[in-house]
Amino acid sequence: MERPVTLRDAALDDVASLVPIQQASPDAAPWTAADYESLLSADSTVCLLAEDEDNDEPVGFVLARLAADEMEILNLAVAPAQRRRGLGRRLVAEALARGRARGVKQCWLEVRASNRTALEFYRALSFREHSRRRAYYRDPVEDAVVCVRQLTAAAGPLP
């Protein structure tokens, strides 16, 4: 039986919870606690934390940055035991809804070209490939696929 999960805004006190979830997610961006602290201190950041309702254990997060009428998803990670249950979709959908409420018209993100699972996930959320950045990633060197999703009402409902 799946346990209920709630989403809430992450705060600076949650940084210690974000890093282990990220570390258990090899495809997530490998950031330090200081990286998260810096972003969470900015008004332009949307960071949502998913918690197991039964024990308040953090089980996933999404982090995005807003600039003018655009947003960029910077990191998304879900604890291994919670994957394939729709939590990543919920996190992204809520981040997009919050961006749209703040006047965002499009959302951007980058994915390793070899990360077929992530590319399929984002395509299912109506992101489309916009371009590629050659040799963008390190360890190993790899292209980034730049994806975009329109958030205007004309683009249709959010996921």
Protein backbone atom coordinates (compact mmCIF):
# COMPACT_ATOMS: atom_id res chain seq x y z
CA MET A 1 0.00 0.00 0.00
CA GLU A 2 1.32 3.43 -0.93
CA ARG A 3 1.84 5.89 1.85
CA PRO A 4 0.37 9.37 1.50
CA VAL A 5 2.80 12.13 0.62
CA THR A 6 2.34 15.88 1.09
CA LEU A 7 4.17 18.70 -0.67
CA ARG A 8 5.36 21.84 1.08
CA ASP A 9 7.77 24.70 0.50
CA ALA A 10 11.30 23.78 1.48
CA ALA A 11 13.16 26.04 3.89
CA LEU A 12 16.82 26.48 4.80
CA ASP A 13 16.31 23.99 7.65
CA ASP A 14 15.48 21.34 5.03
CA VAL A 15 18.85 21.42 3.25
CA ALA A 16 20.11 18.46 5.30
CA SER A 17 17.15 16.47 3.94
CA LEU A 18 17.68 17.42 0.29
CA VAL A 19 21.27 16.22 -0.04
CA PRO A 20 20.66 12.52 0.87
CA ILE A 21 17.71 12.30 -1.54
CA GLN A 22 19.89 13.81 -4.26
CA GLN A 23 22.76 11.43 -3.44
CA ALA A 24 20.41 8.44 -3.81
CA SER A 25 19.46 9.74 -7.27
CA PRO A 26 22.46 9.33 -9.60
CA ASP A 27 20.84 11.37 -12.39
CA ALA A 28 20.13 14.39 -10.16
CA ALA A 29 22.52 17.33 -10.28
CA PRO A 30 25.30 16.72 -7.71
CA TRP A 31 25.07 19.81 -5.53
CA THR A 32 26.43 20.63 -2.11
CA ALA A 33 24.50 21.79 0.92
CA ALA A 34 25.97 25.28 0.31
CA ASP A 35 24.51 25.25 -3.23
CA TYR A 36 21.04 24.52 -1.84
CA GLU A 37 21.41 27.11 0.92
CA SER A 38 22.31 29.77 -1.62
CA LEU A 39 19.32 29.00 -3.84
CA LEU A 40 16.84 28.63 -0.98
CA SER A 41 17.86 32.08 0.26
CA ALA A 42 16.69 33.70 -2.99
CA ASP A 43 13.13 34.95 -3.56
CA SER A 44 13.38 33.71 -7.14
CA THR A 45 13.55 30.06 -6.05
CA VAL A 46 10.72 27.55 -5.88
CA CYS A 47 11.70 24.46 -3.90
CA LEU A 48 9.08 21.92 -2.95
CA LEU A 49 9.72 19.10 -0.53
CA ALA A 50 7.64 15.91 -0.53
CA GLU A 51 7.17 14.27 2.86
CA ASP A 52 5.69 10.96 3.92
CA GLU A 53 2.59 11.95 5.90
CA ASP A 54 3.00 9.12 8.41
CA ASN A 55 6.48 10.03 9.63
CA ASP A 56 7.33 13.41 8.01
CA GLU A 57 10.26 11.73 6.26
CA PRO A 58 11.43 13.69 3.18
CA VAL A 59 11.03 11.54 0.06
CA GLY A 60 11.55 13.93 -2.86
CA PHE A 61 12.02 17.48 -4.02
CA VAL A 62 12.03 19.79 -7.01
CA LEU A 63 14.05 22.99 -7.24
CA ALA A 64 13.41 25.70 -9.81
CA ARG A 65 14.58 29.27 -10.38
CA LEU A 66 12.41 32.07 -11.78
CA ALA A 67 13.70 34.96 -13.89
CA ALA A 68 11.31 37.45 -15.49
CA ASP A 69 8.65 35.35 -17.24
CA GLU A 70 10.71 32.14 -17.37
CA MET A 71 11.60 29.40 -14.95
CA GLU A 72 14.21 26.67 -15.04
CA ILE A 73 13.95 23.35 -13.26
CA LEU A 74 17.37 22.93 -11.71
CA ASN A 75 17.02 19.66 -9.86
CA LEU A 76 14.48 16.90 -9.24
CA ALA A 77 15.02 13.85 -7.07
CA VAL A 78 12.78 11.18 -5.55
CA ALA A 79 13.86 8.62 -2.96
CA PRO A 80 14.27 5.15 -4.50
CA ALA A 81 11.38 3.62 -2.52
CA GLN A 82 9.00 6.31 -3.81
CA ARG A 83 9.85 6.14 -7.52
CA ARG A 84 7.37 5.13 -10.23
CA ARG A 85 4.40 6.28 -8.12
CA GLY A 86 3.78 9.67 -9.70
CA LEU A 87 5.62 11.75 -7.12
CA GLY A 88 8.05 13.30 -9.61
CA ARG A 89 5.08 14.26 -11.77
CA ARG A 90 3.32 15.84 -8.76
CA LEU A 91 6.41 17.81 -7.81
CA VAL A 92 6.95 19.16 -11.33
CA ALA A 93 3.23 19.93 -11.80
CA GLU A 94 3.12 21.94 -8.57
CA ALA A 95 6.32 23.81 -9.44
CA LEU A 96 4.87 24.67 -12.86
CA ALA A 97 1.60 25.82 -11.26
CA ARG A 98 3.49 28.08 -8.89
CA GLY A 99 5.53 29.47 -11.74
CA ARG A 100 2.42 30.14 -13.80
CA ALA A 101 0.83 31.90 -10.78
CA ARG A 102 3.89 34.18 -10.69
CA GLY A 103 3.60 35.10 -14.38
CA VAL A 104 5.94 32.51 -15.87
CA LYS A 105 5.24 31.81 -19.53
CA GLN A 106 7.73 29.00 -20.17
CA CYS A 107 9.84 26.53 -18.26
CA TRP A 108 13.28 25.27 -19.28
CA LEU A 109 15.46 22.37 -18.14
CA GLU A 110 18.48 20.36 -19.22
CA VAL A 111 18.87 16.59 -19.27
CA ARG A 112 21.83 14.39 -20.14
CA ALA A 113 21.37 13.10 -23.68
CA SER A 114 21.78 9.51 -22.45
CA ASN A 115 19.08 9.85 -19.77
CA ARG A 116 16.24 8.33 -21.78
CA THR A 117 14.06 7.84 -18.69
CA ALA A 118 14.17 11.54 -17.84
CA LEU A 119 13.63 12.58 -21.46
CA GLU A 120 10.53 10.36 -21.68
CA PHE A 121 9.31 11.65 -18.31
CA TYR A 122 9.56 15.28 -19.40
CA ARG A 123 8.03 14.58 -22.82
CA ALA A 124 5.03 13.08 -21.03
CA LEU A 125 4.75 16.42 -19.18
CA SER A 126 4.65 18.29 -22.53
CA PHE A 127 8.27 19.44 -22.57
CA ARG A 128 9.83 19.40 -26.02
CA GLU A 129 13.43 19.36 -27.12
CA HIS A 130 14.55 22.87 -27.98
CA SER A 131 18.29 22.47 -28.59
CA ARG A 132 21.46 20.73 -27.45
CA ARG A 133 24.50 21.98 -25.60
CA ARG A 134 27.55 20.09 -26.79
CA ALA A 135 29.80 18.62 -24.09
CA TYR A 136 27.84 20.45 -21.37
CA TYR A 137 28.15 17.76 -18.68
CA ARG A 138 31.33 16.36 -17.12
CA ASP A 139 32.12 12.95 -15.62
CA PRO A 140 31.44 11.76 -18.27
CA VAL A 141 31.47 14.49 -20.89
CA GLU A 142 28.09 14.49 -22.55
CA ASP A 143 25.63 16.72 -24.39
CA ALA A 144 22.70 18.34 -22.63
CA VAL A 145 19.27 18.23 -24.20
CA VAL A 146 17.60 21.59 -23.52
CA CYS A 147 13.84 21.21 -23.16
CA VAL A 148 11.07 23.78 -22.87
CA ARG A 149 7.38 23.78 -21.94
CA GLN A 150 4.96 26.63 -22.49
CA LEU A 151 2.93 27.60 -19.41
CA THR A 152 0.46 30.01 -20.96
CA ALA A 153 -3.23 29.15 -20.78
CA ALA A 154 -3.19 28.67 -24.56
CA ALA A 155 -0.63 25.88 -24.12
CA GLY A 156 -3.21 23.82 -22.25
CA PRO A 157 -3.58 22.46 -18.74
CA LEU A 158 -0.63 21.71 -16.53
CA PRO A 159 0.19 18.06 -15.88
